[in-house]
């Protein structure tokens, strides 16, 4: 199956920083399913409650 996969990855705590280990696990998990990393964008994801946000990334994968 070919196409594009977009994944939003974020830390769960308000003000939390994105851990390299969590990002690495996500990249490897999708690579094991045949997806190839295409791009990554850092985002500040606002929480549902309160003024704080969390660090997050949008990862784009693709496959033939």
C-alpha atoms as a PDB file:
ATOM      1  CA  UNK A   1       0.000   0.000   0.000  1.00  0.00           C
ATOM      2  CA  UNK A   2       1.434   3.403  -0.976  1.00  0.00           C
ATOM      3  CA  UNK A   3       0.658   6.814   0.395  1.00  0.00           C
ATOM      4  CA  UNK A   4       1.361   9.306   3.130  1.00  0.00           C
ATOM      5  CA  UNK A   5       1.010   8.935   6.892  1.00  0.00           C
ATOM      6  CA  UNK A   6       0.879  11.978   9.205  1.00  0.00           C
ATOM      7  CA  UNK A   7       1.456  11.387  12.927  1.00  0.00           C
ATOM      8  CA  UNK A   8       1.103  13.916  15.758  1.00  0.00           C
ATOM      9  CA  UNK A   9       3.362  13.030  18.660  1.00  0.00           C
ATOM     10  CA  UNK A  10       3.350  14.996  21.906  1.00  0.00           C
ATOM     11  CA  UNK A  11       4.290  14.762  25.524  1.00  0.00           C
ATOM     12  CA  UNK A  12       1.429  14.227  27.922  1.00  0.00           C
ATOM     13  CA  UNK A  13       2.285  16.786  30.608  1.00  0.00           C
ATOM     14  CA  UNK A  14       1.630  20.514  30.438  1.00  0.00           C
ATOM     15  CA  UNK A  15       4.952  22.170  29.707  1.00  0.00           C
ATOM     16  CA  UNK A  16       6.475  18.777  28.936  1.00  0.00           C
ATOM     17  CA  UNK A  17       9.432  18.507  26.589  1.00  0.00           C
ATOM     18  CA  UNK A  18       9.534  16.027  23.721  1.00  0.00           C
ATOM     19  CA  UNK A  19      11.854  13.164  24.635  1.00  0.00           C
ATOM     20  CA  UNK A  20      14.301  11.861  22.047  1.00  0.00           C
ATOM     21  CA  UNK A  21      13.569   8.304  23.194  1.00  0.00           C
ATOM     22  CA  UNK A  22       9.825   8.669  22.519  1.00  0.00           C
ATOM     23  CA  UNK A  23      10.528  10.117  19.066  1.00  0.00           C
ATOM     24  CA  UNK A  24      12.993   7.329  18.265  1.00  0.00           C
ATOM     25  CA  UNK A  25      10.460   4.640  19.231  1.00  0.00           C
ATOM     26  CA  UNK A  26       7.789   6.210  17.014  1.00  0.00           C
ATOM     27  CA  UNK A  27      10.133   6.474  14.001  1.00  0.00           C
ATOM     28  CA  UNK A  28      11.261   2.852  14.404  1.00  0.00           C
ATOM     29  CA  UNK A  29       7.704   1.578  14.889  1.00  0.00           C
ATOM     30  CA  UNK A  30       6.519   3.036  11.577  1.00  0.00           C
ATOM     31  CA  UNK A  31       9.737   2.058   9.762  1.00  0.00           C
ATOM     32  CA  UNK A  32       9.050  -1.557  10.770  1.00  0.00           C
ATOM     33  CA  UNK A  33       5.713  -1.272   8.926  1.00  0.00           C
ATOM     34  CA  UNK A  34       7.439  -0.075   5.751  1.00  0.00           C
ATOM     35  CA  UNK A  35       6.984   3.676   6.215  1.00  0.00           C
ATOM     36  CA  UNK A  36       9.887   5.992   5.315  1.00  0.00           C
ATOM     37  CA  UNK A  37      10.453   9.245   7.190  1.00  0.00           C
ATOM     38  CA  UNK A  38       9.818  12.322   5.019  1.00  0.00           C
ATOM     39  CA  UNK A  39       9.665  15.368   7.325  1.00  0.00           C
ATOM     40  CA  UNK A  40       9.234  16.556  10.891  1.00  0.00           C
ATOM     41  CA  UNK A  41       7.790  19.833  12.170  1.00  0.00           C
ATOM     42  CA  UNK A  42       7.938  21.051  15.768  1.00  0.00           C
ATOM     43  CA  UNK A  43       4.662  22.358  17.187  1.00  0.00           C
ATOM     44  CA  UNK A  44       3.339  23.770  20.451  1.00  0.00           C
ATOM     45  CA  UNK A  45       0.196  21.762  21.174  1.00  0.00           C
ATOM     46  CA  UNK A  46      -2.282  23.583  23.374  1.00  0.00           C
ATOM     47  CA  UNK A  47      -3.885  21.556  26.149  1.00  0.00           C
ATOM     48  CA  UNK A  48      -7.627  21.117  26.473  1.00  0.00           C
ATOM     49  CA  UNK A  49      -7.584  22.685  29.947  1.00  0.00           C
ATOM     50  CA  UNK A  50      -5.595  25.713  31.055  1.00  0.00           C
ATOM     51  CA  UNK A  51      -3.214  28.090  29.303  1.00  0.00           C
ATOM     52  CA  UNK A  52      -0.215  25.752  29.003  1.00  0.00           C
ATOM     53  CA  UNK A  53       0.875  23.735  26.031  1.00  0.00           C
ATOM     54  CA  UNK A  54       3.154  20.819  25.378  1.00  0.00           C
ATOM     55  CA  UNK A  55       5.971  20.289  22.933  1.00  0.00           C
ATOM     56  CA  UNK A  56       4.988  18.139  20.018  1.00  0.00           C
ATOM     57  CA  UNK A  57       5.963  17.164  16.511  1.00  0.00           C
ATOM     58  CA  UNK A  58       4.145  16.364  13.316  1.00  0.00           C
ATOM     59  CA  UNK A  59       5.921  13.524  11.508  1.00  0.00           C
ATOM     60  CA  UNK A  60       5.214  12.759   7.864  1.00  0.00           C
ATOM     61  CA  UNK A  61       6.010   9.305   6.488  1.00  0.00           C
ATOM     62  CA  UNK A  62       5.625   7.952   2.962  1.00  0.00           C
ATOM     63  CA  UNK A  63       5.843   4.605   1.211  1.00  0.00           C
ATOM     64  CA  UNK A  64       5.598   3.267  -2.299  1.00  0.00           C
END
